[in-house]
Amino acid sequence: MTLRTAVFCVVLLAAIAFFSYSVHRLVKSLTIGRKESRLDNFSSRLKNVLVIAFGQKKLLREPLAGLMHFFI
């Protein structure tokens, strides 16, 4: 095993360890919240998606800037 290979293995193991630690922290913070039923009020949720996400309701509050952003 050459020095180059040994350094690569150490860096690879450190990167895998850091990635695993980051994933663990993310999963831990995501599981803190309580369960929520996202299938209730389906019609109002669908309306919000259509109006806010696809209709860009918040984007068009300022007419000129909103229109320019809409066309971009």
PDB file of N, CA and C in Angstrom:
ATOM      1  N   MET A   1       0.857  -1.180   0.000  1.00  0.00           N
ATOM      2  CA  MET A   1       0.000   0.000   0.000  1.00  0.00           C
ATOM      3  C   MET A   1       0.899   1.237   0.000  1.00  0.00           C
ATOM      4  N   THR A   2       0.659   2.100  -0.941  1.00  0.00           N
ATOM      5  CA  THR A   2       1.471   3.308  -1.027  1.00  0.00           C
ATOM      6  C   THR A   2       0.901   4.387  -0.123  1.00  0.00           C
ATOM      7  N   LEU A   3       1.685   5.421   0.063  1.00  0.00           N
ATOM      8  CA  LEU A   3       1.250   6.545   0.897  1.00  0.00           C
ATOM      9  C   LEU A   3       0.015   7.213   0.304  1.00  0.00           C
ATOM     10  N   ARG A   4      -0.003   7.297  -0.993  1.00  0.00           N
ATOM     11  CA  ARG A   4      -1.139   7.920  -1.677  1.00  0.00           C
ATOM     12  C   ARG A   4      -2.437   7.156  -1.403  1.00  0.00           C
ATOM     13  N   THR A   5      -2.370   5.853  -1.459  1.00  0.00           N
ATOM     14  CA  THR A   5      -3.534   5.012  -1.208  1.00  0.00           C
ATOM     15  C   THR A   5      -3.975   5.127   0.246  1.00  0.00           C
ATOM     16  N   ALA A   6      -3.024   5.162   1.158  1.00  0.00           N
ATOM     17  CA  ALA A   6      -3.347   5.275   2.583  1.00  0.00           C
ATOM     18  C   ALA A   6      -4.030   6.601   2.880  1.00  0.00           C
ATOM     19  N   VAL A   7      -3.519   7.689   2.303  1.00  0.00           N
ATOM     20  CA  VAL A   7      -4.122   9.011   2.505  1.00  0.00           C
ATOM     21  C   VAL A   7      -5.530   9.025   1.921  1.00  0.00           C
ATOM     22  N   PHE A   8      -5.703   8.425   0.751  1.00  0.00           N
ATOM     23  CA  PHE A   8      -7.022   8.360   0.135  1.00  0.00           C
ATOM     24  C   PHE A   8      -8.000   7.605   1.027  1.00  0.00           C
ATOM     25  N   CYS A   9      -7.569   6.478   1.589  1.00  0.00           N
ATOM     26  CA  CYS A   9      -8.443   5.680   2.462  1.00  0.00           C
ATOM     27  C   CYS A   9      -8.835   6.459   3.713  1.00  0.00           C
ATOM     28  N   VAL A  10      -7.891   7.194   4.289  1.00  0.00           N
ATOM     29  CA  VAL A  10      -8.192   7.990   5.483  1.00  0.00           C
ATOM     30  C   VAL A  10      -9.185   9.093   5.153  1.00  0.00           C
ATOM     31  N   VAL A  11      -8.970   9.783   4.039  1.00  0.00           N
ATOM     32  CA  VAL A  11      -9.881  10.860   3.636  1.00  0.00           C
ATOM     33  C   VAL A  11     -11.259  10.290   3.294  1.00  0.00           C
ATOM     34  N   LEU A  12     -11.296   9.153   2.631  1.00  0.00           N
ATOM     35  CA  LEU A  12     -12.567   8.516   2.290  1.00  0.00           C
ATOM     36  C   LEU A  12     -13.332   8.128   3.551  1.00  0.00           C
ATOM     37  N   LEU A  13     -12.659   7.522   4.512  1.00  0.00           N
ATOM     38  CA  LEU A  13     -13.315   7.141   5.763  1.00  0.00           C
ATOM     39  C   LEU A  13     -13.817   8.368   6.528  1.00  0.00           C
ATOM     40  N   ALA A  14     -13.035   9.444   6.519  1.00  0.00           N
ATOM     41  CA  ALA A  14     -13.468  10.675   7.185  1.00  0.00           C
ATOM     42  C   ALA A  14     -14.699  11.254   6.495  1.00  0.00           C
ATOM     43  N   ALA A  15     -14.723  11.220   5.171  1.00  0.00           N
ATOM     44  CA  ALA A  15     -15.877  11.741   4.423  1.00  0.00           C
ATOM     45  C   ALA A  15     -17.121  10.900   4.690  1.00  0.00           C
ATOM     46  N   ILE A  16     -16.968   9.580   4.729  1.00  0.00           N
ATOM     47  CA  ILE A  16     -18.107   8.701   5.016  1.00  0.00           C
ATOM     48  C   ILE A  16     -18.613   8.937   6.429  1.00  0.00           C
ATOM     49  N   ALA A  17     -17.691   9.118   7.376  1.00  0.00           N
ATOM     50  CA  ALA A  17     -18.087   9.373   8.765  1.00  0.00           C
ATOM     51  C   ALA A  17     -18.833  10.700   8.875  1.00  0.00           C
ATOM     52  N   PHE A  18     -18.330  11.734   8.215  1.00  0.00           N
ATOM     53  CA  PHE A  18     -18.986  13.042   8.255  1.00  0.00           C
ATOM     54  C   PHE A  18     -20.363  12.972   7.613  1.00  0.00           C
ATOM     55  N   PHE A  19     -20.485  12.271   6.491  1.00  0.00           N
ATOM     56  CA  PHE A  19     -21.771  12.125   5.816  1.00  0.00           C
ATOM     57  C   PHE A  19     -22.758  11.384   6.711  1.00  0.00           C
ATOM     58  N   SER A  20     -22.303  10.309   7.334  1.00  0.00           N
ATOM     59  CA  SER A  20     -23.179   9.542   8.217  1.00  0.00           C
ATOM     60  C   SER A  20     -23.652  10.384   9.393  1.00  0.00           C
ATOM     61  N   TYR A  21     -22.742  11.158   9.970  1.00  0.00           N
ATOM     62  CA  TYR A  21     -23.101  12.036  11.083  1.00  0.00           C
ATOM     63  C   TYR A  21     -24.138  13.068  10.641  1.00  0.00           C
ATOM     64  N   SER A  22     -23.951  13.645   9.467  1.00  0.00           N
ATOM     65  CA  SER A  22     -24.888  14.654   8.959  1.00  0.00           C
ATOM     66  C   SER A  22     -26.258  14.050   8.690  1.00  0.00           C
ATOM     67  N   VAL A  23     -26.299  12.864   8.108  1.00  0.00           N
ATOM     68  CA  VAL A  23     -27.578  12.200   7.850  1.00  0.00           C
ATOM     69  C   VAL A  23     -28.266  11.877   9.167  1.00  0.00           C
ATOM     70  N   HIS A  24     -27.498  11.409  10.143  1.00  0.00           N
ATOM     71  CA  HIS A  24     -28.074  11.089  11.456  1.00  0.00           C
ATOM     72  C   HIS A  24     -28.693  12.335  12.099  1.00  0.00           C
ATOM     73  N   ARG A  25     -27.998  13.462  12.044  1.00  0.00           N
ATOM     74  CA  ARG A  25     -28.525  14.714  12.602  1.00  0.00           C
ATOM     75  C   ARG A  25     -29.794  15.138  11.892  1.00  0.00           C
ATOM     76  N   LEU A  26     -29.817  15.024  10.573  1.00  0.00           N
ATOM     77  CA  LEU A  26     -30.989  15.415   9.789  1.00  0.00           C
ATOM     78  C   LEU A  26     -32.185  14.532  10.122  1.00  0.00           C
ATOM     79  N   VAL A  27     -31.984  13.234  10.156  1.00  0.00           N
ATOM     80  CA  VAL A  27     -33.077  12.318  10.473  1.00  0.00           C
ATOM     81  C   VAL A  27     -33.564  12.561  11.891  1.00  0.00           C
ATOM     82  N   LYS A  28     -32.660  12.810  12.811  1.00  0.00           N
ATOM     83  CA  LYS A  28     -33.033  13.077  14.205  1.00  0.00           C
ATOM     84  C   LYS A  28     -33.903  14.329  14.310  1.00  0.00           C
ATOM     85  N   SER A  29     -33.538  15.384  13.584  1.00  0.00           N
ATOM     86  CA  SER A  29     -34.336  16.617  13.652  1.00  0.00           C
ATOM     87  C   SER A  29     -35.672  16.470  12.933  1.00  0.00           C
ATOM     88  N   LEU A  30     -35.731  15.635  11.912  1.00  0.00           N
ATOM     89  CA  LEU A  30     -36.990  15.445  11.191  1.00  0.00           C
ATOM     90  C   LEU A  30     -37.984  14.596  11.972  1.00  0.00           C
ATOM     91  N   THR A  31     -37.500  13.737  12.836  1.00  0.00           N
ATOM     92  CA  THR A  31     -38.402  12.874  13.589  1.00  0.00           C
ATOM     93  C   THR A  31     -38.870  13.493  14.895  1.00  0.00           C
ATOM     94  N   ILE A  32     -38.452  14.714  15.187  1.00  0.00           N
ATOM     95  CA  ILE A  32     -38.888  15.394  16.408  1.00  0.00           C
ATOM     96  C   ILE A  32     -40.373  15.749  16.336  1.00  0.00           C
ATOM     97  N   GLY A  33     -40.821  16.152  15.171  1.00  0.00           N
ATOM     98  CA  GLY A  33     -42.200  16.617  15.015  1.00  0.00           C
ATOM     99  C   GLY A  33     -43.228  15.544  15.266  1.00  0.00           C
ATOM    100  N   ARG A  34     -44.433  15.978  15.538  1.00  0.00           N
ATOM    101  CA  ARG A  34     -45.509  15.026  15.787  1.00  0.00           C
ATOM    102  C   ARG A  34     -46.178  14.651  14.475  1.00  0.00           C
ATOM    103  N   LYS A  35     -46.876  13.563  14.489  1.00  0.00           N
ATOM    104  CA  LYS A  35     -47.570  13.079  13.300  1.00  0.00           C
ATOM    105  C   LYS A  35     -48.684  14.046  12.914  1.00  0.00           C
ATOM    106  N   GLU A  36     -48.891  14.173  11.616  1.00  0.00           N
ATOM    107  CA  GLU A  36     -49.937  15.066  11.126  1.00  0.00           C
ATOM    108  C   GLU A  36     -50.665  14.379   9.978  1.00  0.00           C
ATOM    109  N   SER A  37     -51.972  14.481  10.001  1.00  0.00           N
ATOM    110  CA  SER A  37     -52.754  13.916   8.912  1.00  0.00           C
ATOM    111  C   SER A  37     -52.799  14.927   7.775  1.00  0.00           C
ATOM    112  N   ARG A  38     -52.157  14.600   6.678  1.00  0.00           N
ATOM    113  CA  ARG A  38     -52.112  15.522   5.546  1.00  0.00           C
ATOM    114  C   ARG A  38     -53.207  15.248   4.526  1.00  0.00           C
ATOM    115  N   LEU A  39     -54.055  14.291   4.820  1.00  0.00           N
ATOM    116  CA  LEU A  39     -55.130  13.978   3.883  1.00  0.00           C
ATOM    117  C   LEU A  39     -56.457  14.608   4.286  1.00  0.00           C
ATOM    118  N   ASP A  40     -56.478  15.346   5.406  1.00  0.00           N
ATOM    119  CA  ASP A  40     -57.710  16.040   5.783  1.00  0.00           C
ATOM    120  C   ASP A  40     -57.800  17.345   4.992  1.00  0.00           C
ATOM    121  N   ASN A  41     -58.988  17.843   4.816  1.00  0.00           N
ATOM    122  CA  ASN A  41     -59.225  19.085   4.057  1.00  0.00           C
ATOM    123  C   ASN A  41     -58.547  19.037   2.688  1.00  0.00           C
ATOM    124  N   PHE A  42     -58.745  17.948   1.995  1.00  0.00           N
ATOM    125  CA  PHE A  42     -58.058  17.763   0.717  1.00  0.00           C
ATOM    126  C   PHE A  42     -58.392  18.860  -0.277  1.00  0.00           C
ATOM    127  N   SER A  43     -59.640  19.277  -0.341  1.00  0.00           N
ATOM    128  CA  SER A  43     -60.036  20.289  -1.329  1.00  0.00           C
ATOM    129  C   SER A  43     -59.386  21.636  -1.043  1.00  0.00           C
ATOM    130  N   SER A  44     -59.326  22.038   0.228  1.00  0.00           N
ATOM    131  CA  SER A  44     -58.701  23.328   0.541  1.00  0.00           C
ATOM    132  C   SER A  44     -57.185  23.269   0.334  1.00  0.00           C
ATOM    133  N   ARG A  45     -56.572  22.129   0.618  1.00  0.00           N
ATOM    134  CA  ARG A  45     -55.137  21.991   0.377  1.00  0.00           C
ATOM    135  C   ARG A  45     -54.836  22.045  -1.115  1.00  0.00           C
ATOM    136  N   LEU A  46     -55.665  21.387  -1.909  1.00  0.00           N
ATOM    137  CA  LEU A  46     -55.473  21.413  -3.360  1.00  0.00           C
ATOM    138  C   LEU A  46     -55.654  22.822  -3.901  1.00  0.00           C
ATOM    139  N   LYS A  47     -56.636  23.547  -3.386  1.00  0.00           N
ATOM    140  CA  LYS A  47     -56.870  24.923  -3.809  1.00  0.00           C
ATOM    141  C   LYS A  47     -55.667  25.797  -3.482  1.00  0.00           C
ATOM    142  N   ASN A  48     -55.104  25.622  -2.271  1.00  0.00           N
ATOM    143  CA  ASN A  48     -53.911  26.388  -1.894  1.00  0.00           C
ATOM    144  C   ASN A  48     -52.739  26.101  -2.819  1.00  0.00           C
ATOM    145  N   VAL A  49     -52.541  24.846  -3.173  1.00  0.00           N
ATOM    146  CA  VAL A  49     -51.452  24.502  -4.082  1.00  0.00           C
ATOM    147  C   VAL A  49     -51.658  25.174  -5.433  1.00  0.00           C
ATOM    148  N   LEU A  50     -52.881  25.113  -5.935  1.00  0.00           N
ATOM    149  CA  LEU A  50     -53.139  25.695  -7.254  1.00  0.00           C
ATOM    150  C   LEU A  50     -52.991  27.210  -7.239  1.00  0.00           C
ATOM    151  N   VAL A  51     -53.479  27.857  -6.167  1.00  0.00           N
ATOM    152  CA  VAL A  51     -53.444  29.320  -6.116  1.00  0.00           C
ATOM    153  C   VAL A  51     -52.043  29.840  -5.806  1.00  0.00           C
ATOM    154  N   ILE A  52     -51.396  29.267  -4.793  1.00  0.00           N
ATOM    155  CA  ILE A  52     -50.106  29.805  -4.359  1.00  0.00           C
ATOM    156  C   ILE A  52     -48.958  29.295  -5.217  1.00  0.00           C
ATOM    157  N   ALA A  53     -48.884  27.992  -5.447  1.00  0.00           N
ATOM    158  CA  ALA A  53     -47.747  27.439  -6.170  1.00  0.00           C
ATOM    159  C   ALA A  53     -47.850  27.659  -7.680  1.00  0.00           C
ATOM    160  N   PHE A  54     -48.968  27.274  -8.266  1.00  0.00           N
ATOM    161  CA  PHE A  54     -49.083  27.382  -9.716  1.00  0.00           C
ATOM    162  C   PHE A  54     -49.610  28.735 -10.163  1.00  0.00           C
ATOM    163  N   GLY A  55     -50.445  29.365  -9.363  1.00  0.00           N
ATOM    164  CA  GLY A  55     -50.987  30.670  -9.717  1.00  0.00           C
ATOM    165  C   GLY A  55     -50.062  31.816  -9.357  1.00  0.00           C
ATOM    166  N   GLN A  56     -49.027  31.538  -8.564  1.00  0.00           N
ATOM    167  CA  GLN A  56     -48.044  32.550  -8.165  1.00  0.00           C
ATOM    168  C   GLN A  56     -48.721  33.763  -7.524  1.00  0.00           C
ATOM    169  N   LYS A  57     -49.641  33.516  -6.602  1.00  0.00           N
ATOM    170  CA  LYS A  57     -50.407  34.588  -5.972  1.00  0.00           C
ATOM    171  C   LYS A  57     -49.485  35.574  -5.241  1.00  0.00           C
ATOM    172  N   LYS A  58     -48.523  35.068  -4.496  1.00  0.00           N
ATOM    173  CA  LYS A  58     -47.636  35.952  -3.743  1.00  0.00           C
ATOM    174  C   LYS A  58     -46.664  36.693  -4.649  1.00  0.00           C
ATOM    175  N   LEU A  59     -46.338  36.086  -5.764  1.00  0.00           N
ATOM    176  CA  LEU A  59     -45.395  36.722  -6.682  1.00  0.00           C
ATOM    177  C   LEU A  59     -46.010  37.954  -7.342  1.00  0.00           C
ATOM    178  N   LEU A  60     -47.293  37.930  -7.560  1.00  0.00           N
ATOM    179  CA  LEU A  60     -47.937  39.015  -8.293  1.00  0.00           C
ATOM    180  C   LEU A  60     -48.500  40.107  -7.381  1.00  0.00           C
ATOM    181  N   ARG A  61     -48.042  40.169  -6.123  1.00  0.00           N
ATOM    182  CA  ARG A  61     -48.502  41.246  -5.242  1.00  0.00           C
ATOM    183  C   ARG A  61     -48.024  42.601  -5.739  1.00  0.00           C
ATOM    184  N   GLU A  62     -46.775  42.645  -6.218  1.00  0.00           N
ATOM    185  CA  GLU A  62     -46.265  43.878  -6.823  1.00  0.00           C
ATOM    186  C   GLU A  62     -46.367  43.684  -8.336  1.00  0.00           C
ATOM    187  N   PRO A  63     -47.231  44.435  -8.981  1.00  0.00           N
ATOM    188  CA  PRO A  63     -47.576  44.137 -10.375  1.00  0.00           C
ATOM    189  C   PRO A  63     -46.389  44.113 -11.346  1.00  0.00           C
ATOM    190  N   LEU A  64     -45.577  45.142 -11.367  1.00  0.00           N
ATOM    191  CA  LEU A  64     -44.518  45.206 -12.373  1.00  0.00           C
ATOM    192  C   LEU A  64     -43.428  44.175 -12.102  1.00  0.00           C
ATOM    193  N   ALA A  65     -42.907  44.146 -10.879  1.00  0.00           N
ATOM    194  CA  ALA A  65     -41.837  43.193 -10.545  1.00  0.00           C
ATOM    195  C   ALA A  65     -42.361  41.764 -10.632  1.00  0.00           C
ATOM    196  N   GLY A  66     -43.587  41.540 -10.188  1.00  0.00           N
ATOM    197  CA  GLY A  66     -44.163  40.206 -10.242  1.00  0.00           C
ATOM    198  C   GLY A  66     -44.331  39.710 -11.655  1.00  0.00           C
ATOM    199  N   LEU A  67     -44.768  40.577 -12.540  1.00  0.00           N
ATOM    200  CA  LEU A  67     -44.951  40.189 -13.931  1.00  0.00           C
ATOM    201  C   LEU A  67     -43.633  39.845 -14.578  1.00  0.00           C
ATOM    202  N   MET A  68     -42.586  40.641 -14.288  1.00  0.00           N
ATOM    203  CA  MET A  68     -41.273  40.338 -14.854  1.00  0.00           C
ATOM    204  C   MET A  68     -40.762  38.991 -14.345  1.00  0.00           C
ATOM    205  N   HIS A  69     -40.918  38.721 -13.054  1.00  0.00           N
ATOM    206  CA  HIS A  69     -40.487  37.452 -12.502  1.00  0.00           C
ATOM    207  C   HIS A  69     -41.314  36.293 -13.060  1.00  0.00           C
ATOM    208  N   PHE A  70     -42.583  36.524 -13.267  1.00  0.00           N
ATOM    209  CA  PHE A  70     -43.458  35.492 -13.808  1.00  0.00           C
ATOM    210  C   PHE A  70     -42.984  35.060 -15.192  1.00  0.00           C
ATOM    211  N   PHE A  71     -42.615  36.040 -16.044  1.00  0.00           N
ATOM    212  CA  PHE A  71     -42.197  35.702 -17.393  1.00  0.00           C
ATOM    213  C   PHE A  71     -40.800  35.108 -17.439  1.00  0.00           C
ATOM    214  N   ILE A  72     -39.979  35.415 -16.443  1.00  0.00           N
ATOM    215  CA  ILE A  72     -38.653  34.784 -16.380  1.00  0.00           C
ATOM    216  C   ILE A  72     -38.821  33.339 -16.082  1.00  0.00           C
TER     217      ILE A  72
END
